[in-house]
Amino acid sequence: MAAGFSSLLGALALAAAAGSAGTGLRADDIPVAHTPKVPGGYGKTFPEPVLRRCAEPLAAGAPDLRGIWRIVEVDGKAPASGERMHGYVERIEQCGNRIVDMGGGTIADARADGTEANAVHDVSVRDFRTPIVAIATYEAGAFILRPVGMPGVEVRRWLEPDGRMGWTRPDLGRMRLERIAGPNDPYTRGE
């Protein structure tokens, strides 16, 4: 009887573990996030993580870029105080083929499926008003955004062998970022 009871307890523990793993949300269950319609977007403090409760595994071929990242290099050198990217920090969340990138006050939320329907539909960080649409994909270990109507323009992010993130933008060059926290950690930008 004791063996039967411990088997029953083991089976219940396995069922509970399997049930708790399946109770998380899928990417489709979570509404798309957008930049707040206020001057400066979300401001100095990241909003609550969008995908925190999502339990769907990352899509095949997606680099794991989840975390809070800080710029350490722009075109091979540390950005000096007063330069545009000095002190820049962003948060990346991922779930399934969905990716949410918060940085500079804006929120870019998309499915990396190569469609315009599931692209980033938000506003430009330049003025927080100009609409942008950027198609997202995962290709060859990189996350790529391609703005609609701008052939040949790409924004790329990838993991480098040393664990840092590489990032290229046509207007900023090549950057390297270090992970400073997890994707669900709070962060407020200092001055």
C-alpha atoms as a PDB file:
ATOM      1  CA  MET A   1       0.000   0.000   0.000  1.00  0.00           C
ATOM      2  CA  ALA A   2       2.837   2.422   0.795  1.00  0.00           C
ATOM      3  CA  ALA A   3       4.369   1.783  -2.632  1.00  0.00           C
ATOM      4  CA  GLY A   4       0.999   2.424  -4.268  1.00  0.00           C
ATOM      5  CA  PHE A   5       0.545   5.645  -2.300  1.00  0.00           C
ATOM      6  CA  SER A   6       4.007   6.964  -3.233  1.00  0.00           C
ATOM      7  CA  SER A   7       3.331   6.056  -6.893  1.00  0.00           C
ATOM      8  CA  LEU A   8       0.074   7.991  -6.688  1.00  0.00           C
ATOM      9  CA  LEU A   9       1.889  10.983  -5.152  1.00  0.00           C
ATOM     10  CA  GLY A  10       4.544  10.782  -7.883  1.00  0.00           C
ATOM     11  CA  ALA A  11       1.886  10.679 -10.592  1.00  0.00           C
ATOM     12  CA  LEU A  12       0.073  13.655  -9.030  1.00  0.00           C
ATOM     13  CA  ALA A  13       3.338  15.612  -8.823  1.00  0.00           C
ATOM     14  CA  LEU A  14       4.077  14.912 -12.496  1.00  0.00           C
ATOM     15  CA  ALA A  15       0.537  15.908 -13.491  1.00  0.00           C
ATOM     16  CA  ALA A  16       0.798  19.127 -11.472  1.00  0.00           C
ATOM     17  CA  ALA A  17       4.129  19.973 -13.060  1.00  0.00           C
ATOM     18  CA  ALA A  18       2.786  19.303 -16.545  1.00  0.00           C
ATOM     19  CA  GLY A  19      -0.338  21.316 -15.791  1.00  0.00           C
ATOM     20  CA  SER A  20       1.599  24.317 -14.496  1.00  0.00           C
ATOM     21  CA  ALA A  21       3.823  24.310 -17.574  1.00  0.00           C
ATOM     22  CA  GLY A  22       0.724  24.457 -19.770  1.00  0.00           C
ATOM     23  CA  THR A  23      -1.035  27.285 -17.906  1.00  0.00           C
ATOM     24  CA  GLY A  24       1.063  30.105 -19.340  1.00  0.00           C
ATOM     25  CA  LEU A  25      -0.247  32.228 -22.154  1.00  0.00           C
ATOM     26  CA  ARG A  26       0.729  31.890 -25.788  1.00  0.00           C
ATOM     27  CA  ALA A  27       1.894  34.897 -27.804  1.00  0.00           C
ATOM     28  CA  ASP A  28      -1.521  35.096 -29.519  1.00  0.00           C
ATOM     29  CA  ASP A  29      -3.238  35.505 -26.132  1.00  0.00           C
ATOM     30  CA  ILE A  30      -1.448  38.779 -25.333  1.00  0.00           C
ATOM     31  CA  PRO A  31      -2.579  42.059 -26.937  1.00  0.00           C
ATOM     32  CA  VAL A  32      -0.069  43.926 -29.101  1.00  0.00           C
ATOM     33  CA  ALA A  33       1.682  46.726 -27.207  1.00  0.00           C
ATOM     34  CA  HIS A  34       2.091  50.232 -28.629  1.00  0.00           C
ATOM     35  CA  THR A  35       4.007  53.354 -27.652  1.00  0.00           C
ATOM     36  CA  PRO A  36       1.936  55.497 -25.267  1.00  0.00           C
ATOM     37  CA  LYS A  37       0.440  58.522 -27.009  1.00  0.00           C
ATOM     38  CA  VAL A  38       2.199  61.068 -24.807  1.00  0.00           C
ATOM     39  CA  PRO A  39       5.233  63.264 -25.508  1.00  0.00           C
ATOM     40  CA  GLY A  40       8.350  61.141 -25.094  1.00  0.00           C
ATOM     41  CA  GLY A  41       6.524  57.813 -25.290  1.00  0.00           C
ATOM     42  CA  TYR A  42       6.913  55.762 -22.115  1.00  0.00           C
ATOM     43  CA  GLY A  43       9.556  58.134 -20.697  1.00  0.00           C
ATOM     44  CA  LYS A  44      12.418  57.056 -18.393  1.00  0.00           C
ATOM     45  CA  THR A  45      10.883  53.883 -16.954  1.00  0.00           C
ATOM     46  CA  PHE A  46      10.124  50.798 -19.005  1.00  0.00           C
ATOM     47  CA  PRO A  47       6.451  49.805 -18.877  1.00  0.00           C
ATOM     48  CA  GLU A  48       5.571  46.425 -17.380  1.00  0.00           C
ATOM     49  CA  PRO A  49       6.884  43.571 -19.538  1.00  0.00           C
ATOM     50  CA  VAL A  50       4.409  42.674 -22.283  1.00  0.00           C
ATOM     51  CA  LEU A  51       5.252  38.982 -22.642  1.00  0.00           C
ATOM     52  CA  ARG A  52       5.959  38.201 -18.955  1.00  0.00           C
ATOM     53  CA  ARG A  53       3.213  35.558 -18.719  1.00  0.00           C
ATOM     54  CA  CYS A  54       3.912  33.971 -22.093  1.00  0.00           C
ATOM     55  CA  ALA A  55       5.032  30.332 -21.905  1.00  0.00           C
ATOM     56  CA  GLU A  56       5.434  29.557 -25.613  1.00  0.00           C
ATOM     57  CA  PRO A  57       8.986  28.465 -26.558  1.00  0.00           C
ATOM     58  CA  LEU A  58      11.033  30.656 -28.887  1.00  0.00           C
ATOM     59  CA  ALA A  59      10.537  30.041 -32.605  1.00  0.00           C
ATOM     60  CA  ALA A  60      13.085  27.857 -34.370  1.00  0.00           C
ATOM     61  CA  GLY A  61      16.021  29.962 -35.553  1.00  0.00           C
ATOM     62  CA  ALA A  62      15.290  32.870 -33.199  1.00  0.00           C
ATOM     63  CA  PRO A  63      18.350  34.224 -31.375  1.00  0.00           C
ATOM     64  CA  ASP A  64      17.650  34.550 -27.641  1.00  0.00           C
ATOM     65  CA  LEU A  65      17.858  38.327 -27.243  1.00  0.00           C
ATOM     66  CA  ARG A  66      15.704  38.498 -24.115  1.00  0.00           C
ATOM     67  CA  GLY A  67      16.939  40.970 -21.547  1.00  0.00           C
ATOM     68  CA  ILE A  68      17.769  44.579 -20.799  1.00  0.00           C
ATOM     69  CA  TRP A  69      20.712  45.746 -22.886  1.00  0.00           C
ATOM     70  CA  ARG A  70      23.031  48.774 -22.612  1.00  0.00           C
ATOM     71  CA  ILE A  71      25.168  50.196 -25.432  1.00  0.00           C
ATOM     72  CA  VAL A  72      28.887  49.729 -24.828  1.00  0.00           C
ATOM     73  CA  GLU A  73      30.260  50.479 -28.322  1.00  0.00           C
ATOM     74  CA  VAL A  74      29.281  52.466 -31.387  1.00  0.00           C
ATOM     75  CA  ASP A  75      31.476  51.777 -34.406  1.00  0.00           C
ATOM     76  CA  GLY A  76      34.175  50.253 -32.185  1.00  0.00           C
ATOM     77  CA  LYS A  77      34.365  52.846 -29.409  1.00  0.00           C
ATOM     78  CA  ALA A  78      32.444  53.671 -26.258  1.00  0.00           C
ATOM     79  CA  PRO A  79      29.956  56.508 -26.789  1.00  0.00           C
ATOM     80  CA  ALA A  80      31.122  59.648 -24.996  1.00  0.00           C
ATOM     81  CA  SER A  81      28.937  61.666 -22.659  1.00  0.00           C
ATOM     82  CA  GLY A  82      26.617  63.835 -24.717  1.00  0.00           C
ATOM     83  CA  GLU A  83      26.710  61.580 -27.790  1.00  0.00           C
ATOM     84  CA  ARG A  84      23.365  60.346 -29.086  1.00  0.00           C
ATOM     85  CA  MET A  85      23.693  56.722 -27.926  1.00  0.00           C
ATOM     86  CA  HIS A  86      25.490  57.378 -24.616  1.00  0.00           C
ATOM     87  CA  GLY A  87      23.502  55.672 -21.857  1.00  0.00           C
ATOM     88  CA  TYR A  88      21.039  54.063 -24.282  1.00  0.00           C
ATOM     89  CA  VAL A  89      19.241  51.034 -22.814  1.00  0.00           C
ATOM     90  CA  GLU A  90      16.586  48.796 -24.363  1.00  0.00           C
ATOM     91  CA  ARG A  91      14.481  45.814 -23.291  1.00  0.00           C
ATOM     92  CA  ILE A  92      13.809  42.865 -25.573  1.00  0.00           C
ATOM     93  CA  GLU A  93      11.116  40.295 -24.837  1.00  0.00           C
ATOM     94  CA  GLN A  94      10.408  37.215 -26.950  1.00  0.00           C
ATOM     95  CA  CYS A  95       7.808  34.453 -26.995  1.00  0.00           C
ATOM     96  CA  GLY A  96       7.135  32.120 -29.929  1.00  0.00           C
ATOM     97  CA  ASN A  97       7.903  34.208 -33.014  1.00  0.00           C
ATOM     98  CA  ARG A  98       6.821  37.411 -31.267  1.00  0.00           C
ATOM     99  CA  ILE A  99       9.369  40.027 -30.243  1.00  0.00           C
ATOM    100  CA  VAL A 100       8.882  43.247 -28.292  1.00  0.00           C
ATOM    101  CA  ASP A 101      11.657  45.845 -28.293  1.00  0.00           C
ATOM    102  CA  MET A 102      11.383  48.865 -25.977  1.00  0.00           C
ATOM    103  CA  GLY A 103      13.930  51.618 -26.359  1.00  0.00           C
ATOM    104  CA  GLY A 104      14.103  55.379 -26.562  1.00  0.00           C
ATOM    105  CA  GLY A 105      10.494  55.710 -25.375  1.00  0.00           C
ATOM    106  CA  THR A 106       8.962  53.554 -28.129  1.00  0.00           C
ATOM    107  CA  ILE A 107       7.594  50.018 -28.177  1.00  0.00           C
ATOM    108  CA  ALA A 108       8.086  47.872 -31.279  1.00  0.00           C
ATOM    109  CA  ASP A 109       5.905  44.739 -31.020  1.00  0.00           C
ATOM    110  CA  ALA A 110       5.832  42.303 -33.949  1.00  0.00           C
ATOM    111  CA  ARG A 111       5.717  38.736 -35.133  1.00  0.00           C
ATOM    112  CA  ALA A 112       8.934  37.733 -36.867  1.00  0.00           C
ATOM    113  CA  ASP A 113       6.975  36.086 -39.672  1.00  0.00           C
ATOM    114  CA  GLY A 114       7.824  38.349 -42.617  1.00  0.00           C
ATOM    115  CA  THR A 115       4.293  39.716 -43.044  1.00  0.00           C
ATOM    116  CA  GLU A 116       3.118  43.301 -43.071  1.00  0.00           C
ATOM    117  CA  ALA A 117      -0.008  42.309 -41.139  1.00  0.00           C
ATOM    118  CA  ASN A 118       2.116  41.232 -38.146  1.00  0.00           C
ATOM    119  CA  ALA A 119       4.820  43.885 -38.563  1.00  0.00           C
ATOM    120  CA  VAL A 120       5.631  46.675 -36.120  1.00  0.00           C
ATOM    121  CA  HIS A 121       2.825  49.223 -36.501  1.00  0.00           C
ATOM    122  CA  ASP A 122       3.852  52.075 -34.243  1.00  0.00           C
ATOM    123  CA  VAL A 123       5.496  55.522 -34.254  1.00  0.00           C
ATOM    124  CA  SER A 124       8.991  56.841 -34.940  1.00  0.00           C
ATOM    125  CA  VAL A 125      11.323  57.540 -32.022  1.00  0.00           C
ATOM    126  CA  ARG A 126      12.205  60.823 -33.749  1.00  0.00           C
ATOM    127  CA  ASP A 127       8.891  62.562 -32.954  1.00  0.00           C
ATOM    128  CA  PHE A 128       6.578  59.921 -31.394  1.00  0.00           C
ATOM    129  CA  ARG A 129       3.934  60.791 -34.022  1.00  0.00           C
ATOM    130  CA  THR A 130       5.128  59.679 -37.456  1.00  0.00           C
ATOM    131  CA  PRO A 131       3.659  56.236 -38.195  1.00  0.00           C
ATOM    132  CA  ILE A 132       6.093  53.421 -38.993  1.00  0.00           C
ATOM    133  CA  VAL A 133       5.586  49.908 -40.302  1.00  0.00           C
ATOM    134  CA  ALA A 134       8.525  47.506 -40.157  1.00  0.00           C
ATOM    135  CA  ILE A 135       8.382  43.864 -41.210  1.00  0.00           C
ATOM    136  CA  ALA A 136      10.141  41.501 -38.791  1.00  0.00           C
ATOM    137  CA  THR A 137      11.966  38.235 -39.524  1.00  0.00           C
ATOM    138  CA  TYR A 138      14.476  35.858 -37.980  1.00  0.00           C
ATOM    139  CA  GLU A 139      17.150  35.035 -40.550  1.00  0.00           C
ATOM    140  CA  ALA A 140      20.494  33.262 -40.114  1.00  0.00           C
ATOM    141  CA  GLY A 141      20.473  33.814 -36.344  1.00  0.00           C
ATOM    142  CA  ALA A 142      19.506  37.498 -36.540  1.00  0.00           C
ATOM    143  CA  PHE A 143      16.376  39.534 -35.816  1.00  0.00           C
ATOM    144  CA  ILE A 144      15.774  41.856 -38.776  1.00  0.00           C
ATOM    145  CA  LEU A 145      13.385  44.799 -39.202  1.00  0.00           C
ATOM    146  CA  ARG A 146      12.717  46.153 -42.694  1.00  0.00           C
ATOM    147  CA  PRO A 147      10.721  49.399 -42.848  1.00  0.00           C
ATOM    148  CA  VAL A 148       7.943  49.270 -45.432  1.00  0.00           C
ATOM    149  CA  GLY A 149       8.555  51.644 -48.349  1.00  0.00           C
ATOM    150  CA  MET A 150      12.327  51.778 -47.760  1.00  0.00           C
ATOM    151  CA  PRO A 151      13.853  49.082 -49.993  1.00  0.00           C
ATOM    152  CA  GLY A 152      17.287  47.884 -48.857  1.00  0.00           C
ATOM    153  CA  VAL A 153      17.020  49.391 -45.360  1.00  0.00           C
ATOM    154  CA  GLU A 154      17.490  46.897 -42.512  1.00  0.00           C
ATOM    155  CA  VAL A 155      17.935  47.031 -38.772  1.00  0.00           C
ATOM    156  CA  ARG A 156      19.652  43.870 -37.442  1.00  0.00           C
ATOM    157  CA  ARG A 157      20.231  42.422 -33.977  1.00  0.00           C
ATOM    158  CA  TRP A 158      22.121  39.211 -33.202  1.00  0.00           C
ATOM    159  CA  LEU A 159      24.071  37.506 -30.426  1.00  0.00           C
ATOM    160  CA  GLU A 160      27.847  37.649 -30.700  1.00  0.00           C
ATOM    161  CA  PRO A 161      30.123  34.812 -29.486  1.00  0.00           C
ATOM    162  CA  ASP A 162      31.017  36.762 -26.313  1.00  0.00           C
ATOM    163  CA  GLY A 163      27.325  37.028 -25.322  1.00  0.00           C
ATOM    164  CA  ARG A 164      26.965  40.666 -26.300  1.00  0.00           C
ATOM    165  CA  MET A 165      24.363  41.760 -28.812  1.00  0.00           C
ATOM    166  CA  GLY A 166      25.317  43.224 -32.153  1.00  0.00           C
ATOM    167  CA  TRP A 167      23.024  45.852 -33.652  1.00  0.00           C
ATOM    168  CA  THR A 168      23.236  47.708 -36.949  1.00  0.00           C
ATOM    169  CA  ARG A 169      21.137  50.663 -38.101  1.00  0.00           C
ATOM    170  CA  PRO A 170      21.800  52.677 -41.254  1.00  0.00           C
ATOM    171  CA  ASP A 171      21.641  55.970 -39.326  1.00  0.00           C
ATOM    172  CA  LEU A 172      23.775  54.841 -36.358  1.00  0.00           C
ATOM    173  CA  GLY A 173      26.277  52.284 -37.662  1.00  0.00           C
ATOM    174  CA  ARG A 174      27.318  49.130 -35.827  1.00  0.00           C
ATOM    175  CA  MET A 175      26.748  48.897 -32.096  1.00  0.00           C
ATOM    176  CA  ARG A 176      27.474  46.375 -29.354  1.00  0.00           C
ATOM    177  CA  LEU A 177      25.350  46.036 -26.239  1.00  0.00           C
ATOM    178  CA  GLU A 178      25.820  44.158 -22.977  1.00  0.00           C
ATOM    179  CA  ARG A 179      22.977  42.407 -21.148  1.00  0.00           C
ATOM    180  CA  ILE A 180      22.511  44.123 -17.777  1.00  0.00           C
ATOM    181  CA  ALA A 181      19.287  42.459 -16.578  1.00  0.00           C
ATOM    182  CA  GLY A 182      16.554  40.012 -17.494  1.00  0.00           C
ATOM    183  CA  PRO A 183      13.549  40.893 -19.651  1.00  0.00           C
ATOM    184  CA  ASN A 184      11.168  41.039 -16.673  1.00  0.00           C
ATOM    185  CA  ASP A 185      13.372  43.210 -14.489  1.00  0.00           C
ATOM    186  CA  PRO A 186      12.410  46.861 -13.866  1.00  0.00           C
ATOM    187  CA  TYR A 187      14.594  49.642 -15.208  1.00  0.00           C
ATOM    188  CA  THR A 188      14.552  53.426 -14.941  1.00  0.00           C
ATOM    189  CA  ARG A 189      16.973  55.464 -17.025  1.00  0.00           C
ATOM    190  CA  GLY A 190      19.254  57.803 -15.093  1.00  0.00           C
ATOM    191  CA  GLU A 191      20.435  61.157 -16.371  1.00  0.00           C
END
